[in-house]
C-alpha atoms as a PDB file:
ATOM      1  CA  MET A   1       0.015  -0.085   0.011  1.00  0.00           C
ATOM      2  CA  GLN A   2       3.014   2.268   0.419  1.00  0.00           C
ATOM      3  CA  ARG A   3       3.424   2.566  -3.444  1.00  0.00           C
ATOM      4  CA  LEU A   4      -0.270   3.811  -3.717  1.00  0.00           C
ATOM      5  CA  GLU A   5       0.179   6.108  -0.725  1.00  0.00           C
ATOM      6  CA  ARG A   6       3.087   7.705  -2.120  1.00  0.00           C
ATOM      7  CA  LEU A   7       1.786   8.174  -5.686  1.00  0.00           C
ATOM      8  CA  ALA A   8      -1.816   9.355  -4.576  1.00  0.00           C
ATOM      9  CA  LYS A   9       0.045  12.085  -2.647  1.00  0.00           C
ATOM     10  CA  GLY A  10      -2.521  12.242   0.245  1.00  0.00           C
ATOM     11  CA  SER A  11      -5.448  12.676  -2.357  1.00  0.00           C
ATOM     12  CA  LEU A  12      -7.350   9.585  -1.070  1.00  0.00           C
ATOM     13  CA  PRO A  13      -8.375   8.341   2.202  1.00  0.00           C
ATOM     14  CA  PRO A  14      -7.197   4.965   3.652  1.00  0.00           C
ATOM     15  CA  LYS A  15     -10.596   3.113   2.847  1.00  0.00           C
ATOM     16  CA  ASN A  16     -10.088   3.984  -1.100  1.00  0.00           C
ATOM     17  CA  LEU A  17      -6.237   3.086  -0.764  1.00  0.00           C
ATOM     18  CA  GLU A  18      -7.121  -0.331   0.374  1.00  0.00           C
ATOM     19  CA  THR A  19      -9.758  -0.809  -2.353  1.00  0.00           C
ATOM     20  CA  LEU A  20      -7.100   0.175  -4.799  1.00  0.00           C
ATOM     21  CA  LYS A  21      -4.550  -2.156  -3.093  1.00  0.00           C
ATOM     22  CA  ARG A  22      -6.670  -5.232  -3.548  1.00  0.00           C
ATOM     23  CA  VAL A  23      -7.471  -4.320  -7.003  1.00  0.00           C
ATOM     24  CA  PHE A  24      -3.514  -3.711  -7.733  1.00  0.00           C
ATOM     25  CA  ASP A  25      -2.771  -7.166  -6.184  1.00  0.00           C
ATOM     26  CA  GLN A  26      -5.349  -9.060  -8.227  1.00  0.00           C
ATOM     27  CA  VAL A  27      -4.018  -7.507 -11.554  1.00  0.00           C
ATOM     28  CA  VAL A  28      -0.552  -8.138 -10.660  1.00  0.00           C
ATOM     29  CA  ARG A  29      -1.356 -11.842  -9.537  1.00  0.00           C
ATOM     30  CA  GLY A  30      -3.784 -12.449 -12.379  1.00  0.00           C
ATOM     31  CA  ALA A  31      -2.169 -10.831 -15.477  1.00  0.00           C
ATOM     32  CA  CYS A  32       0.775 -13.459 -15.206  1.00  0.00           C
ATOM     33  CA  LEU A  33       3.075 -10.955 -16.543  1.00  0.00           C
ATOM     34  CA  ASP A  34       6.675  -9.572 -15.309  1.00  0.00           C
ATOM     35  CA  PHE A  35       5.823  -6.549 -13.034  1.00  0.00           C
ATOM     36  CA  ASP A  36       9.075  -4.759 -12.550  1.00  0.00           C
ATOM     37  CA  GLU A  37       9.036  -1.431 -10.417  1.00  0.00           C
ATOM     38  CA  SER A  38       8.346   0.986 -13.147  1.00  0.00           C
ATOM     39  CA  ARG A  39       5.291  -1.337 -14.473  1.00  0.00           C
ATOM     40  CA  ARG A  40       3.944  -1.603 -10.950  1.00  0.00           C
ATOM     41  CA  ASP A  41       4.370   2.409 -10.514  1.00  0.00           C
ATOM     42  CA  ARG A  42       2.436   2.987 -13.981  1.00  0.00           C
ATOM     43  CA  LEU A  43      -0.201   0.364 -12.914  1.00  0.00           C
ATOM     44  CA  ALA A  44      -0.719   2.262  -9.428  1.00  0.00           C
ATOM     45  CA  LYS A  45      -1.039   5.516 -11.222  1.00  0.00           C
ATOM     46  CA  ARG A  46      -3.667   4.318 -13.635  1.00  0.00           C
ATOM     47  CA  LEU A  47      -5.825   2.896 -10.850  1.00  0.00           C
ATOM     48  CA  ILE A  48      -5.346   6.240  -8.922  1.00  0.00           C
ATOM     49  CA  PHE A  49      -6.289   8.247 -11.970  1.00  0.00           C
ATOM     50  CA  LEU A  50      -9.210   6.179 -12.759  1.00  0.00           C
ATOM     51  CA  PHE A  51     -10.528   6.094  -9.133  1.00  0.00           C
ATOM     52  CA  GLN A  52     -10.315   9.936  -8.890  1.00  0.00           C
ATOM     53  CA  SER A  53     -12.339  10.280 -12.110  1.00  0.00           C
ATOM     54  CA  GLY A  54     -15.088   8.421 -10.552  1.00  0.00           C
ATOM     55  CA  LEU A  55     -14.675   4.852 -11.507  1.00  0.00           C
ATOM     56  CA  ILE A  56     -14.933   3.207  -7.991  1.00  0.00           C
ATOM     57  CA  ASN A  57     -16.360  -0.183  -8.786  1.00  0.00           C
ATOM     58  CA  PRO A  58     -13.595  -2.660  -7.964  1.00  0.00           C
ATOM     59  CA  ALA A  59     -14.510  -5.257 -10.673  1.00  0.00           C
ATOM     60  CA  GLN A  60     -14.688  -2.431 -13.329  1.00  0.00           C
ATOM     61  CA  LEU A  61     -11.109  -1.170 -12.046  1.00  0.00           C
ATOM     62  CA  GLU A  62      -9.609  -4.596 -12.341  1.00  0.00           C
ATOM     63  CA  LYS A  63     -11.092  -5.217 -15.781  1.00  0.00           C
ATOM     64  CA  ILE A  64      -9.717  -2.044 -17.399  1.00  0.00           C
ATOM     65  CA  ALA A  65      -6.406  -2.403 -15.620  1.00  0.00           C
ATOM     66  CA  MET A  66      -6.032  -5.963 -16.743  1.00  0.00           C
ATOM     67  CA  LEU A  67      -6.735  -5.173 -20.277  1.00  0.00           C
ATOM     68  CA  TRP A  68      -4.281  -2.191 -20.149  1.00  0.00           C
ATOM     69  CA  GLU A  69      -1.587  -4.384 -18.809  1.00  0.00           C
ATOM     70  CA  LEU A  70      -2.120  -7.154 -21.387  1.00  0.00           C
ATOM     71  CA  THR A  71      -2.516  -4.472 -24.285  1.00  0.00           C
ATOM     72  CA  ASP A  72       0.664  -3.091 -23.130  1.00  0.00           C
ATOM     73  CA  ASP A  73       2.532  -6.290 -23.035  1.00  0.00           C
ATOM     74  CA  GLN A  74       1.305  -7.234 -26.562  1.00  0.00           C
ATOM     75  CA  LEU A  75       2.590  -3.718 -27.845  1.00  0.00           C
ATOM     76  CA  ALA A  76       5.882  -4.150 -26.322  1.00  0.00           C
ATOM     77  CA  LYS A  77       6.484  -7.467 -28.387  1.00  0.00           C
ATOM     78  CA  PRO A  78       8.442  -7.312 -31.615  1.00  0.00           C
ATOM     79  CA  ALA A  79       6.321  -7.320 -34.862  1.00  0.00           C
ATOM     80  CA  THR A  80       8.084 -10.469 -35.872  1.00  0.00           C
ATOM     81  CA  VAL A  81       6.116 -12.438 -33.275  1.00  0.00           C
ATOM     82  CA  TYR A  82       2.857 -11.685 -34.839  1.00  0.00           C
ATOM     83  CA  LYS A  83       3.906 -12.668 -38.469  1.00  0.00           C
ATOM     84  CA  THR A  84       2.486 -15.795 -39.880  1.00  0.00           C
ATOM     85  CA  LYS A  85       4.189 -18.296 -42.268  1.00  0.00           C
ATOM     86  CA  GLN A  86       3.401 -17.826 -45.880  1.00  0.00           C
ATOM     87  CA  PRO A  87       1.819 -20.717 -47.692  1.00  0.00           C
ATOM     88  CA  VAL A  88       4.197 -22.407 -49.962  1.00  0.00           C
END
């Protein structure tokens, strides 16, 4: 929760930070991706942004965050990963 507290800069009460922490943990566990420190910070910032924008439903936050992370992961892969074999 320290990451979320630090990045929220006091703009969210503890109850809301607890909600975001649960969502954060679910996304990190559920995405099965490599989450280095910068990626964890980016995810936390995105969750804080969504929450401050009025999206407070944990299930919706989790789905959006999961899609963002999976999409970012796909965009980071080289284009050759997606090429299919040409018919002979």
